[in-house]
PDB file of all heavy atoms in Angstrom:
ATOM      1  N   LYS A   1     -30.743   3.327 -47.591  1.00  0.00           N
ATOM      2  CA  LYS A   1     -31.277   2.790 -46.358  1.00  0.00           C
ATOM      3  C   LYS A   1     -31.322   1.282 -46.319  1.00  0.00           C
ATOM      4  O   LYS A   1     -31.999   0.720 -45.452  1.00  0.00           O
ATOM      5  CB  LYS A   1     -32.672   3.293 -46.099  1.00  0.00           C
ATOM      6  CG  LYS A   1     -32.728   4.802 -45.862  1.00  0.00           C
ATOM      7  CD  LYS A   1     -34.129   5.241 -45.530  1.00  0.00           C
ATOM      8  CE  LYS A   1     -34.174   6.799 -45.245  1.00  0.00           C
ATOM      9  NZ  LYS A   1     -35.449   7.202 -44.938  1.00  0.00           N
ATOM     10  N   GLY A   2     -30.728   0.588 -47.226  1.00  0.00           N
ATOM     11  CA  GLY A   2     -30.793  -0.901 -47.241  1.00  0.00           C
ATOM     12  C   GLY A   2     -32.041  -1.316 -47.927  1.00  0.00           C
ATOM     13  O   GLY A   2     -32.509  -0.750 -48.907  1.00  0.00           O
ATOM     14  N   ALA A   3     -32.655  -2.375 -47.409  1.00  0.00           N
ATOM     15  CA  ALA A   3     -33.849  -3.033 -48.050  1.00  0.00           C
ATOM     16  C   ALA A   3     -35.142  -2.341 -47.572  1.00  0.00           C
ATOM     17  O   ALA A   3     -35.307  -2.035 -46.414  1.00  0.00           O
ATOM     18  CB  ALA A   3     -33.902  -4.503 -47.783  1.00  0.00           C
ATOM     19  N   ILE A   4     -36.061  -2.173 -48.524  1.00  0.00           N
ATOM     20  CA  ILE A   4     -37.392  -1.734 -48.225  1.00  0.00           C
ATOM     21  C   ILE A   4     -38.141  -2.880 -47.710  1.00  0.00           C
ATOM     22  O   ILE A   4     -38.047  -3.969 -48.245  1.00  0.00           O
ATOM     23  CB  ILE A   4     -38.087  -1.132 -49.422  1.00  0.00           C
ATOM     24  CG1 ILE A   4     -37.337   0.093 -49.974  1.00  0.00           C
ATOM     25  CG2 ILE A   4     -39.547  -0.760 -49.175  1.00  0.00           C
ATOM     26  CD1 ILE A   4     -37.850   0.637 -51.308  1.00  0.00           C
ATOM     27  N   GLU A   5     -38.991  -2.668 -46.643  1.00  0.00           N
ATOM     28  CA  GLU A   5     -39.693  -3.812 -46.092  1.00  0.00           C
ATOM     29  C   GLU A   5     -40.754  -4.288 -47.045  1.00  0.00           C
ATOM     30  O   GLU A   5     -41.568  -3.534 -47.548  1.00  0.00           O
ATOM     31  CB  GLU A   5     -40.353  -3.443 -44.717  1.00  0.00           C
ATOM     32  CG  GLU A   5     -39.339  -3.184 -43.669  1.00  0.00           C
ATOM     33  CD  GLU A   5     -40.056  -2.970 -42.335  1.00  0.00           C
ATOM     34  OE1 GLU A   5     -41.172  -3.451 -42.152  1.00  0.00           O
ATOM     35  OE2 GLU A   5     -39.443  -2.302 -41.473  1.00  0.00           O
ATOM     36  N   ALA A   6     -40.800  -5.650 -47.260  1.00  0.00           N
ATOM     37  CA  ALA A   6     -41.774  -6.225 -48.060  1.00  0.00           C
ATOM     38  C   ALA A   6     -42.952  -6.659 -47.190  1.00  0.00           C
ATOM     39  O   ALA A   6     -44.098  -6.910 -47.659  1.00  0.00           O
ATOM     40  CB  ALA A   6     -41.278  -7.483 -48.833  1.00  0.00           C
ATOM     41  N   SER A   7     -42.733  -6.898 -45.922  1.00  0.00           N
ATOM     42  CA  SER A   7     -43.810  -7.250 -44.937  1.00  0.00           C
ATOM     43  C   SER A   7     -43.345  -6.871 -43.552  1.00  0.00           C
ATOM     44  O   SER A   7     -42.204  -6.512 -43.324  1.00  0.00           O
ATOM     45  CB  SER A   7     -43.984  -8.814 -45.043  1.00  0.00           C
ATOM     46  OG  SER A   7     -42.848  -9.475 -44.492  1.00  0.00           O
ATOM     47  N   PRO A   8     -44.296  -6.964 -42.579  1.00  0.00           N
ATOM     48  CA  PRO A   8     -43.951  -6.614 -41.220  1.00  0.00           C
ATOM     49  C   PRO A   8     -42.832  -7.528 -40.644  1.00  0.00           C
ATOM     50  O   PRO A   8     -42.131  -7.104 -39.741  1.00  0.00           O
ATOM     51  CB  PRO A   8     -45.237  -6.806 -40.452  1.00  0.00           C
ATOM     52  CG  PRO A   8     -46.329  -6.752 -41.474  1.00  0.00           C
ATOM     53  CD  PRO A   8     -45.733  -7.223 -42.728  1.00  0.00           C
ATOM     54  N   GLU A   9     -42.678  -8.726 -41.205  1.00  0.00           N
ATOM     55  CA  GLU A   9     -41.688  -9.624 -40.674  1.00  0.00           C
ATOM     56  C   GLU A   9     -40.320  -9.413 -41.376  1.00  0.00           C
ATOM     57  O   GLU A   9     -39.348 -10.041 -40.995  1.00  0.00           O
ATOM     58  CB  GLU A   9     -42.086 -11.096 -40.890  1.00  0.00           C
ATOM     59  CG  GLU A   9     -43.278 -11.490 -40.063  1.00  0.00           C
ATOM     60  CD  GLU A   9     -44.597 -11.088 -40.718  1.00  0.00           C
ATOM     61  OE1 GLU A   9     -44.679 -10.872 -41.946  1.00  0.00           O
ATOM     62  OE2 GLU A   9     -45.600 -10.928 -39.938  1.00  0.00           O
ATOM     63  N   ALA A  10     -40.249  -8.503 -42.319  1.00  0.00           N
ATOM     64  CA  ALA A  10     -38.929  -8.265 -43.036  1.00  0.00           C
ATOM     65  C   ALA A  10     -37.917  -7.724 -42.075  1.00  0.00           C
ATOM     66  O   ALA A  10     -38.250  -7.034 -41.087  1.00  0.00           O
ATOM     67  CB  ALA A  10     -39.196  -7.318 -44.160  1.00  0.00           C
ATOM     68  N   PRO A  11     -36.605  -7.978 -42.388  1.00  0.00           N
ATOM     69  CA  PRO A  11     -35.544  -7.440 -41.475  1.00  0.00           C
ATOM     70  C   PRO A  11     -35.548  -5.925 -41.445  1.00  0.00           C
ATOM     71  O   PRO A  11     -35.854  -5.311 -42.478  1.00  0.00           O
ATOM     72  CB  PRO A  11     -34.301  -7.957 -42.236  1.00  0.00           C
ATOM     73  CG  PRO A  11     -34.731  -9.073 -43.061  1.00  0.00           C
ATOM     74  CD  PRO A  11     -36.154  -8.803 -43.423  1.00  0.00           C
ATOM     75  N   THR A  12     -35.228  -5.387 -40.316  1.00  0.00           N
ATOM     76  CA  THR A  12     -35.110  -3.984 -40.199  1.00  0.00           C
ATOM     77  C   THR A  12     -33.855  -3.685 -39.399  1.00  0.00           C
ATOM     78  O   THR A  12     -33.284  -4.523 -38.778  1.00  0.00           O
ATOM     79  CB  THR A  12     -36.280  -3.350 -39.393  1.00  0.00           C
ATOM     80  OG1 THR A  12     -36.240  -3.850 -38.080  1.00  0.00           O
ATOM     81  CG2 THR A  12     -37.628  -3.654 -40.124  1.00  0.00           C
ATOM     82  N   ALA A  13     -33.396  -2.422 -39.443  1.00  0.00           N
ATOM     83  CA  ALA A  13     -32.240  -2.003 -38.769  1.00  0.00           C
ATOM     84  C   ALA A  13     -32.412  -2.094 -37.235  1.00  0.00           C
ATOM     85  O   ALA A  13     -31.468  -2.360 -36.485  1.00  0.00           O
ATOM     86  CB  ALA A  13     -31.822  -0.611 -39.106  1.00  0.00           C
ATOM     87  N   SER A  14     -33.693  -1.960 -36.780  1.00  0.00           N
ATOM     88  CA  SER A  14     -33.943  -2.043 -35.361  1.00  0.00           C
ATOM     89  C   SER A  14     -33.955  -3.465 -34.779  1.00  0.00           C
ATOM     90  O   SER A  14     -33.935  -3.634 -33.608  1.00  0.00           O
ATOM     91  CB  SER A  14     -35.274  -1.348 -34.999  1.00  0.00           C
ATOM     92  OG  SER A  14     -36.301  -2.031 -35.647  1.00  0.00           O
ATOM     93  N   LYS A  15     -34.143  -4.537 -35.672  1.00  0.00           N
ATOM     94  CA  LYS A  15     -34.179  -5.877 -35.232  1.00  0.00           C
ATOM     95  C   LYS A  15     -32.828  -6.533 -35.532  1.00  0.00           C
ATOM     96  O   LYS A  15     -32.460  -6.637 -36.680  1.00  0.00           O
ATOM     97  CB  LYS A  15     -35.243  -6.643 -35.984  1.00  0.00           C
ATOM     98  CG  LYS A  15     -36.670  -6.324 -35.679  1.00  0.00           C
ATOM     99  CD  LYS A  15     -37.522  -7.318 -36.445  1.00  0.00           C
ATOM    100  CE  LYS A  15     -38.973  -6.829 -36.606  1.00  0.00           C
ATOM    101  NZ  LYS A  15     -39.735  -7.765 -37.446  1.00  0.00           N
ATOM    102  N   PRO A  16     -32.112  -6.957 -34.521  1.00  0.00           N
ATOM    103  CA  PRO A  16     -30.852  -7.713 -34.826  1.00  0.00           C
ATOM    104  C   PRO A  16     -31.179  -8.970 -35.635  1.00  0.00           C
ATOM    105  O   PRO A  16     -32.240  -9.600 -35.515  1.00  0.00           O
ATOM    106  CB  PRO A  16     -30.317  -8.065 -33.415  1.00  0.00           C
ATOM    107  CG  PRO A  16     -31.006  -7.152 -32.509  1.00  0.00           C
ATOM    108  CD  PRO A  16     -32.345  -6.849 -33.137  1.00  0.00           C
ATOM    109  N   GLN A  17     -30.284  -9.411 -36.466  1.00  0.00           N
ATOM    110  CA  GLN A  17     -30.386 -10.596 -37.321  1.00  0.00           C
ATOM    111  C   GLN A  17     -30.817 -11.774 -36.551  1.00  0.00           C
ATOM    112  O   GLN A  17     -31.680 -12.582 -36.949  1.00  0.00           O
ATOM    113  CB  GLN A  17     -29.150 -10.803 -38.110  1.00  0.00           C
ATOM    114  CG  GLN A  17     -29.293 -11.857 -39.156  1.00  0.00           C
ATOM    115  CD  GLN A  17     -30.127 -11.428 -40.370  1.00  0.00           C
ATOM    116  OE1 GLN A  17     -30.303 -10.221 -40.569  1.00  0.00           O
ATOM    117  NE2 GLN A  17     -30.600 -12.337 -41.152  1.00  0.00           N
ATOM    118  N   ALA A  18     -30.297 -12.008 -35.339  1.00  0.00           N
ATOM    119  CA  ALA A  18     -30.589 -13.250 -34.558  1.00  0.00           C
ATOM    120  C   ALA A  18     -31.989 -13.297 -34.045  1.00  0.00           C
ATOM    121  O   ALA A  18     -32.569 -14.329 -33.841  1.00  0.00           O
ATOM    122  CB  ALA A  18     -29.695 -13.330 -33.363  1.00  0.00           C
ATOM    123  N   GLU A  19     -32.667 -12.127 -33.920  1.00  0.00           N
ATOM    124  CA  GLU A  19     -34.061 -12.094 -33.467  1.00  0.00           C
ATOM    125  C   GLU A  19     -35.088 -12.349 -34.512  1.00  0.00           C
ATOM    126  O   GLU A  19     -36.275 -12.504 -34.227  1.00  0.00           O
ATOM    127  CB  GLU A  19     -34.355 -10.744 -32.757  1.00  0.00           C
ATOM    128  CG  GLU A  19     -33.645 -10.579 -31.445  1.00  0.00           C
ATOM    129  CD  GLU A  19     -33.954  -9.190 -30.844  1.00  0.00           C
ATOM    130  OE1 GLU A  19     -35.053  -8.677 -31.137  1.00  0.00           O
ATOM    131  OE2 GLU A  19     -33.129  -8.676 -30.115  1.00  0.00           O
ATOM    132  N   GLN A  20     -34.764 -12.182 -35.760  1.00  0.00           N
ATOM    133  CA  GLN A  20     -35.689 -12.306 -36.833  1.00  0.00           C
ATOM    134  C   GLN A  20     -36.176 -13.702 -37.021  1.00  0.00           C
ATOM    135  O   GLN A  20     -35.347 -14.695 -37.044  1.00  0.00           O
ATOM    136  CB  GLN A  20     -35.052 -11.775 -38.174  1.00  0.00           C
ATOM    137  CG  GLN A  20     -34.714 -10.364 -38.090  1.00  0.00           C
ATOM    138  CD  GLN A  20     -33.863  -9.880 -39.218  1.00  0.00           C
ATOM    139  OE1 GLN A  20     -33.798 -10.586 -40.224  1.00  0.00           O
ATOM    140  NE2 GLN A  20     -33.250  -8.711 -39.143  1.00  0.00           N
ATOM    141  N   LYS A  21     -37.490 -13.892 -37.194  1.00  0.00           N
ATOM    142  CA  LYS A  21     -38.110 -15.162 -37.395  1.00  0.00           C
ATOM    143  C   LYS A  21     -38.219 -15.465 -38.881  1.00  0.00           C
ATOM    144  O   LYS A  21     -38.499 -14.556 -39.651  1.00  0.00           O
ATOM    145  CB  LYS A  21     -39.476 -15.267 -36.817  1.00  0.00           C
ATOM    146  CG  LYS A  21     -39.463 -15.281 -35.277  1.00  0.00           C
ATOM    147  CD  LYS A  21     -40.891 -15.423 -34.739  1.00  0.00           C
ATOM    148  CE  LYS A  21     -40.888 -15.506 -33.273  1.00  0.00           C
ATOM    149  NZ  LYS A  21     -42.266 -15.741 -32.787  1.00  0.00           N
ATOM    150  N   VAL A  22     -37.961 -16.674 -39.262  1.00  0.00           N
ATOM    151  CA  VAL A  22     -38.229 -17.134 -40.658  1.00  0.00           C
ATOM    152  C   VAL A  22     -39.283 -18.123 -40.587  1.00  0.00           C
ATOM    153  O   VAL A  22     -39.149 -19.200 -40.035  1.00  0.00           O
ATOM    154  CB  VAL A  22     -36.919 -17.744 -41.266  1.00  0.00           C
ATOM    155  CG1 VAL A  22     -37.199 -18.237 -42.654  1.00  0.00           C
ATOM    156  CG2 VAL A  22     -35.752 -16.745 -41.258  1.00  0.00           C
ATOM    157  N   VAL A  23     -40.453 -17.846 -41.280  1.00  0.00           N
ATOM    158  CA  VAL A  23     -41.577 -18.704 -41.309  1.00  0.00           C
ATOM    159  C   VAL A  23     -41.782 -19.199 -42.704  1.00  0.00           C
ATOM    160  O   VAL A  23     -42.026 -18.504 -43.611  1.00  0.00           O
ATOM    161  CB  VAL A  23     -42.857 -17.948 -40.840  1.00  0.00           C
ATOM    162  CG1 VAL A  23     -44.053 -18.890 -40.839  1.00  0.00           C
ATOM    163  CG2 VAL A  23     -42.624 -17.415 -39.441  1.00  0.00           C
ATOM    164  N   MET A  24     -41.577 -20.540 -42.875  1.00  0.00           N
ATOM    165  CA  MET A  24     -41.761 -21.152 -44.156  1.00  0.00           C
ATOM    166  C   MET A  24     -43.281 -21.409 -44.378  1.00  0.00           C
ATOM    167  O   MET A  24     -43.760 -21.204 -45.471  1.00  0.00           O
ATOM    168  CB  MET A  24     -40.983 -22.409 -44.294  1.00  0.00           C
ATOM    169  CG  MET A  24     -39.502 -22.253 -44.207  1.00  0.00           C
ATOM    170  SD  MET A  24     -38.860 -21.222 -45.543  1.00  0.00           S
ATOM    171  CE  MET A  24     -39.113 -22.306 -46.920  1.00  0.00           C
TER     172      MET A  24
END
């Protein structure tokens, strides 16, 4: 299934890559 989520902000199959936020 790919990567297991480490947090609610982690990438998922339902979120396209362009919509994912990266918060430093």
